[in-house]
Amino acid sequence: MSAKSKPLFHRVAEQRREVVHFTLDGQPASALAGDTVLTAVLTQSSQLRRNEFSGAPRAGFCLMGACQDCWMQTATGERLRACSTSIAPGMALLSAGLAA
């Protein structure tokens, strides 16, 4: 997946917050301060990650931390729950399936 794919989320309000720069699959991306990782990624891309078993695209499910469907991995191998983790400057996120 490329950070250049058509975004799934479109921001309609609160567009004047501070910009936060991060990378998604090695490509520069930006979000707004206070965004969750899930919001940051889905305003840049059509999917959050690919399922580690089937390769199917995933974009979260419950969006409140109950379903385990929004796990992502950082470039350093850290796992995080995208729906409840705030984006931070310089975060390097990967959309591939999680390593076992």
N, C-alpha and C. Protein backbone atom coordinates (compact mmCIF):
# COMPACT_ATOMS: atom_id res chain seq x y z
N MET A 1 0.84 -1.18 0.00
CA MET A 1 0.00 0.00 0.00
C MET A 1 0.87 1.23 0.00
N SER A 2 0.48 2.21 -0.67
CA SER A 2 1.21 3.47 -0.73
C SER A 2 0.45 4.54 0.05
N ALA A 3 1.21 5.43 0.67
CA ALA A 3 0.59 6.55 1.37
C ALA A 3 -0.14 7.45 0.37
N LYS A 4 0.06 7.25 -0.92
CA LYS A 4 -0.57 8.07 -1.95
C LYS A 4 -1.92 7.52 -2.41
N SER A 5 -2.37 6.35 -1.88
CA SER A 5 -3.64 5.80 -2.31
C SER A 5 -4.79 6.71 -1.86
N LYS A 6 -5.95 6.54 -2.45
CA LYS A 6 -7.10 7.40 -2.16
C LYS A 6 -7.50 7.26 -0.69
N PRO A 7 -7.57 8.37 0.05
CA PRO A 7 -7.91 8.31 1.47
C PRO A 7 -9.31 7.76 1.72
N LEU A 8 -9.46 7.01 2.80
CA LEU A 8 -10.76 6.49 3.21
C LEU A 8 -11.52 7.53 4.01
N PHE A 9 -10.82 8.30 4.85
CA PHE A 9 -11.43 9.35 5.66
C PHE A 9 -11.17 10.71 5.01
N HIS A 10 -12.13 11.60 5.13
CA HIS A 10 -11.99 12.97 4.64
C HIS A 10 -12.30 13.91 5.79
N ARG A 11 -11.37 14.77 6.10
CA ARG A 11 -11.52 15.71 7.22
C ARG A 11 -12.51 16.80 6.82
N VAL A 12 -13.51 17.02 7.68
CA VAL A 12 -14.52 18.04 7.40
C VAL A 12 -14.53 19.16 8.44
N ALA A 13 -13.83 18.98 9.54
CA ALA A 13 -13.80 19.99 10.60
C ALA A 13 -12.44 19.98 11.29
N GLU A 14 -12.21 20.93 12.14
CA GLU A 14 -10.98 21.03 12.93
C GLU A 14 -9.72 20.96 12.09
N GLN A 15 -9.66 21.74 11.05
CA GLN A 15 -8.52 21.70 10.15
C GLN A 15 -7.42 22.68 10.53
N ARG A 16 -7.56 23.38 11.62
CA ARG A 16 -6.58 24.40 11.98
C ARG A 16 -5.65 23.98 13.12
N ARG A 17 -5.62 22.71 13.45
CA ARG A 17 -4.69 22.23 14.47
C ARG A 17 -3.29 22.12 13.89
N GLU A 18 -2.31 22.04 14.75
CA GLU A 18 -0.90 21.93 14.34
C GLU A 18 -0.68 20.66 13.49
N VAL A 19 0.12 20.79 12.45
CA VAL A 19 0.44 19.66 11.58
C VAL A 19 1.51 18.78 12.24
N VAL A 20 1.31 17.47 12.16
CA VAL A 20 2.26 16.49 12.68
C VAL A 20 2.75 15.66 11.50
N HIS A 21 4.06 15.60 11.32
CA HIS A 21 4.64 14.83 10.21
C HIS A 21 5.05 13.44 10.69
N PHE A 22 4.76 12.44 9.87
CA PHE A 22 5.13 11.05 10.15
C PHE A 22 5.39 10.37 8.82
N THR A 23 5.81 9.10 8.86
CA THR A 23 5.96 8.36 7.61
C THR A 23 5.05 7.14 7.64
N LEU A 24 4.54 6.80 6.48
CA LEU A 24 3.71 5.61 6.28
C LEU A 24 4.34 4.81 5.17
N ASP A 25 4.84 3.64 5.52
CA ASP A 25 5.55 2.78 4.55
C ASP A 25 6.71 3.53 3.89
N GLY A 26 7.40 4.34 4.69
CA GLY A 26 8.57 5.06 4.21
C GLY A 26 8.26 6.33 3.44
N GLN A 27 7.00 6.65 3.25
CA GLN A 27 6.60 7.84 2.51
C GLN A 27 6.17 8.94 3.48
N PRO A 28 6.53 10.19 3.22
CA PRO A 28 6.11 11.27 4.10
C PRO A 28 4.59 11.42 4.13
N ALA A 29 4.08 11.70 5.32
CA ALA A 29 2.64 11.90 5.50
C ALA A 29 2.45 12.94 6.60
N SER A 30 1.24 13.43 6.72
CA SER A 30 0.97 14.41 7.77
C SER A 30 -0.43 14.18 8.33
N ALA A 31 -0.58 14.59 9.58
CA ALA A 31 -1.85 14.51 10.29
C ALA A 31 -1.99 15.80 11.08
N LEU A 32 -2.97 15.85 11.93
CA LEU A 32 -3.15 17.00 12.80
C LEU A 32 -2.96 16.58 14.25
N ALA A 33 -2.40 17.46 15.06
CA ALA A 33 -2.18 17.18 16.47
C ALA A 33 -3.49 16.73 17.10
N GLY A 34 -3.43 15.67 17.89
CA GLY A 34 -4.62 15.13 18.53
C GLY A 34 -5.26 13.98 17.77
N ASP A 35 -4.86 13.76 16.51
CA ASP A 35 -5.39 12.63 15.74
C ASP A 35 -4.89 11.32 16.32
N THR A 36 -5.72 10.28 16.23
CA THR A 36 -5.23 8.94 16.52
C THR A 36 -4.43 8.47 15.31
N VAL A 37 -3.65 7.43 15.50
CA VAL A 37 -2.91 6.83 14.38
C VAL A 37 -3.91 6.39 13.31
N LEU A 38 -5.04 5.82 13.71
CA LEU A 38 -6.03 5.36 12.76
C LEU A 38 -6.52 6.53 11.88
N THR A 39 -6.86 7.64 12.49
CA THR A 39 -7.30 8.81 11.73
C THR A 39 -6.18 9.32 10.84
N ALA A 40 -4.98 9.40 11.39
CA ALA A 40 -3.83 9.90 10.62
C ALA A 40 -3.60 9.05 9.37
N VAL A 41 -3.65 7.75 9.51
CA VAL A 41 -3.39 6.85 8.37
C VAL A 41 -4.55 6.90 7.37
N LEU A 42 -5.78 6.84 7.87
CA LEU A 42 -6.92 6.76 6.94
C LEU A 42 -7.25 8.09 6.28
N THR A 43 -6.68 9.21 6.73
CA THR A 43 -6.82 10.46 5.98
C THR A 43 -5.76 10.54 4.89
N GLN A 44 -4.83 9.56 4.86
CA GLN A 44 -3.77 9.49 3.85
C GLN A 44 -3.96 8.33 2.89
N SER A 45 -4.68 7.30 3.33
CA SER A 45 -4.70 6.03 2.61
C SER A 45 -6.08 5.38 2.67
N SER A 46 -6.28 4.40 1.81
CA SER A 46 -7.56 3.69 1.77
C SER A 46 -7.64 2.53 2.75
N GLN A 47 -6.53 2.19 3.40
CA GLN A 47 -6.54 1.09 4.36
C GLN A 47 -5.51 1.34 5.45
N LEU A 48 -5.75 0.71 6.58
CA LEU A 48 -4.85 0.84 7.72
C LEU A 48 -3.66 -0.11 7.58
N ARG A 49 -3.96 -1.33 7.20
CA ARG A 49 -2.93 -2.37 7.06
C ARG A 49 -3.52 -3.51 6.25
N ARG A 50 -2.71 -4.53 6.05
CA ARG A 50 -3.18 -5.77 5.42
C ARG A 50 -3.18 -6.87 6.47
N ASN A 51 -4.18 -7.72 6.41
CA ASN A 51 -4.29 -8.84 7.34
C ASN A 51 -3.08 -9.73 7.21
N GLU A 52 -2.50 -10.09 8.33
CA GLU A 52 -1.28 -10.89 8.31
C GLU A 52 -1.50 -12.32 7.84
N PHE A 53 -2.74 -12.79 7.79
CA PHE A 53 -3.02 -14.16 7.37
C PHE A 53 -3.52 -14.23 5.93
N SER A 54 -4.47 -13.35 5.58
CA SER A 54 -5.08 -13.42 4.25
C SER A 54 -4.57 -12.36 3.28
N GLY A 55 -3.94 -11.31 3.82
CA GLY A 55 -3.51 -10.21 2.96
C GLY A 55 -4.62 -9.24 2.61
N ALA A 56 -5.82 -9.47 3.14
CA ALA A 56 -6.96 -8.59 2.86
C ALA A 56 -6.75 -7.23 3.52
N PRO A 57 -7.24 -6.17 2.89
CA PRO A 57 -7.10 -4.83 3.50
C PRO A 57 -7.95 -4.71 4.75
N ARG A 58 -7.43 -3.99 5.74
CA ARG A 58 -8.13 -3.75 7.00
C ARG A 58 -8.15 -2.26 7.27
N ALA A 59 -9.21 -1.77 7.91
CA ALA A 59 -9.31 -0.35 8.23
C ALA A 59 -9.87 -0.15 9.63
N GLY A 60 -9.69 -1.11 10.50
CA GLY A 60 -10.31 -1.04 11.82
C GLY A 60 -11.72 -1.57 11.73
N PHE A 61 -12.32 -1.82 12.87
CA PHE A 61 -13.68 -2.36 12.87
C PHE A 61 -14.54 -1.62 13.88
N CYS A 62 -14.22 -1.74 15.16
CA CYS A 62 -15.06 -1.11 16.18
C CYS A 62 -14.69 0.35 16.42
N LEU A 63 -13.44 0.72 16.12
CA LEU A 63 -12.91 2.08 16.28
C LEU A 63 -12.91 2.56 17.73
N MET A 64 -12.96 1.62 18.69
CA MET A 64 -12.91 2.01 20.10
C MET A 64 -12.04 1.09 20.95
N GLY A 65 -11.19 0.29 20.34
CA GLY A 65 -10.22 -0.51 21.08
C GLY A 65 -10.71 -1.85 21.59
N ALA A 66 -11.84 -2.34 21.11
CA ALA A 66 -12.37 -3.60 21.61
C ALA A 66 -12.13 -4.79 20.69
N CYS A 67 -11.88 -4.56 19.40
CA CYS A 67 -11.92 -5.68 18.45
C CYS A 67 -10.57 -6.25 18.02
N GLN A 68 -9.46 -5.59 18.31
CA GLN A 68 -8.13 -6.06 17.92
C GLN A 68 -7.85 -5.95 16.43
N ASP A 69 -8.66 -5.25 15.66
CA ASP A 69 -8.49 -5.20 14.21
C ASP A 69 -7.62 -4.05 13.72
N CYS A 70 -7.20 -3.16 14.61
CA CYS A 70 -6.46 -1.99 14.14
C CYS A 70 -4.98 -2.02 14.57
N TRP A 71 -4.47 -3.17 14.96
CA TRP A 71 -3.06 -3.25 15.32
C TRP A 71 -2.20 -2.87 14.12
N MET A 72 -1.19 -2.05 14.38
CA MET A 72 -0.20 -1.67 13.36
C MET A 72 1.18 -1.89 13.94
N GLN A 73 2.16 -1.77 13.09
CA GLN A 73 3.54 -1.94 13.52
C GLN A 73 4.34 -0.70 13.12
N THR A 74 5.28 -0.33 13.99
CA THR A 74 6.18 0.77 13.65
C THR A 74 7.40 0.19 12.95
N ALA A 75 8.20 1.04 12.36
CA ALA A 75 9.40 0.60 11.66
C ALA A 75 10.39 -0.08 12.61
N THR A 76 10.28 0.19 13.92
CA THR A 76 11.17 -0.45 14.89
C THR A 76 10.60 -1.75 15.42
N GLY A 77 9.41 -2.15 14.95
CA GLY A 77 8.82 -3.42 15.35
C GLY A 77 7.81 -3.32 16.48
N GLU A 78 7.61 -2.13 17.03
CA GLU A 78 6.63 -1.95 18.10
C GLU A 78 5.22 -2.13 17.54
N ARG A 79 4.38 -2.83 18.28
CA ARG A 79 2.98 -2.98 17.90
C ARG A 79 2.17 -1.92 18.64
N LEU A 80 1.20 -1.34 17.95
CA LEU A 80 0.34 -0.37 18.61
C LEU A 80 -1.07 -0.48 18.08
N ARG A 81 -2.00 -0.10 18.91
CA ARG A 81 -3.41 -0.11 18.52
C ARG A 81 -3.73 1.26 17.93
N ALA A 82 -4.00 1.30 16.65
CA ALA A 82 -4.15 2.56 15.93
C ALA A 82 -5.33 3.40 16.40
N CYS A 83 -6.38 2.76 16.88
CA CYS A 83 -7.58 3.53 17.27
C CYS A 83 -7.42 4.23 18.60
N SER A 84 -6.45 3.83 19.41
CA SER A 84 -6.31 4.45 20.73
C SER A 84 -4.91 5.01 20.99
N THR A 85 -4.08 5.08 19.96
CA THR A 85 -2.74 5.65 20.08
C THR A 85 -2.72 6.97 19.32
N SER A 86 -2.23 8.01 19.97
CA SER A 86 -2.14 9.32 19.31
C SER A 86 -0.94 9.36 18.37
N ILE A 87 -1.11 10.00 17.24
CA ILE A 87 0.01 10.19 16.32
C ILE A 87 1.04 11.09 16.99
N ALA A 88 2.30 10.83 16.71
CA ALA A 88 3.38 11.64 17.29
C ALA A 88 4.33 12.04 16.17
N PRO A 89 4.95 13.20 16.30
CA PRO A 89 5.89 13.64 15.27
C PRO A 89 6.99 12.61 15.05
N GLY A 90 7.27 12.33 13.78
CA GLY A 90 8.34 11.41 13.43
C GLY A 90 8.00 9.94 13.49
N MET A 91 6.76 9.59 13.85
CA MET A 91 6.37 8.17 13.87
C MET A 91 6.61 7.57 12.50
N ALA A 92 7.12 6.34 12.46
CA ALA A 92 7.33 5.60 11.22
C ALA A 92 6.44 4.37 11.27
N LEU A 93 5.34 4.38 10.51
CA LEU A 93 4.34 3.33 10.54
C LEU A 93 4.42 2.44 9.31
N LEU A 94 4.09 1.16 9.51
CA LEU A 94 4.07 0.19 8.41
C LEU A 94 2.68 -0.37 8.25
N SER A 95 2.24 -0.53 7.01
CA SER A 95 0.89 -1.05 6.77
C SER A 95 0.87 -2.54 6.47
N ALA A 96 2.01 -3.17 6.37
CA ALA A 96 2.04 -4.62 6.14
C ALA A 96 1.50 -5.35 7.35
N GLY A 97 1.18 -6.61 7.21
CA GLY A 97 0.71 -7.41 8.33
C GLY A 97 1.76 -7.45 9.44
N LEU A 98 1.30 -7.70 10.63
CA LEU A 98 2.19 -7.76 11.79
C LEU A 98 3.08 -8.99 11.73
N ALA A 99 4.28 -8.85 12.20
CA ALA A 99 5.18 -9.99 12.29
C ALA A 99 4.69 -10.91 13.39
N ALA A 100 4.83 -12.18 13.20
CA ALA A 100 4.36 -13.15 14.19
C ALA A 100 5.22 -13.15 15.43
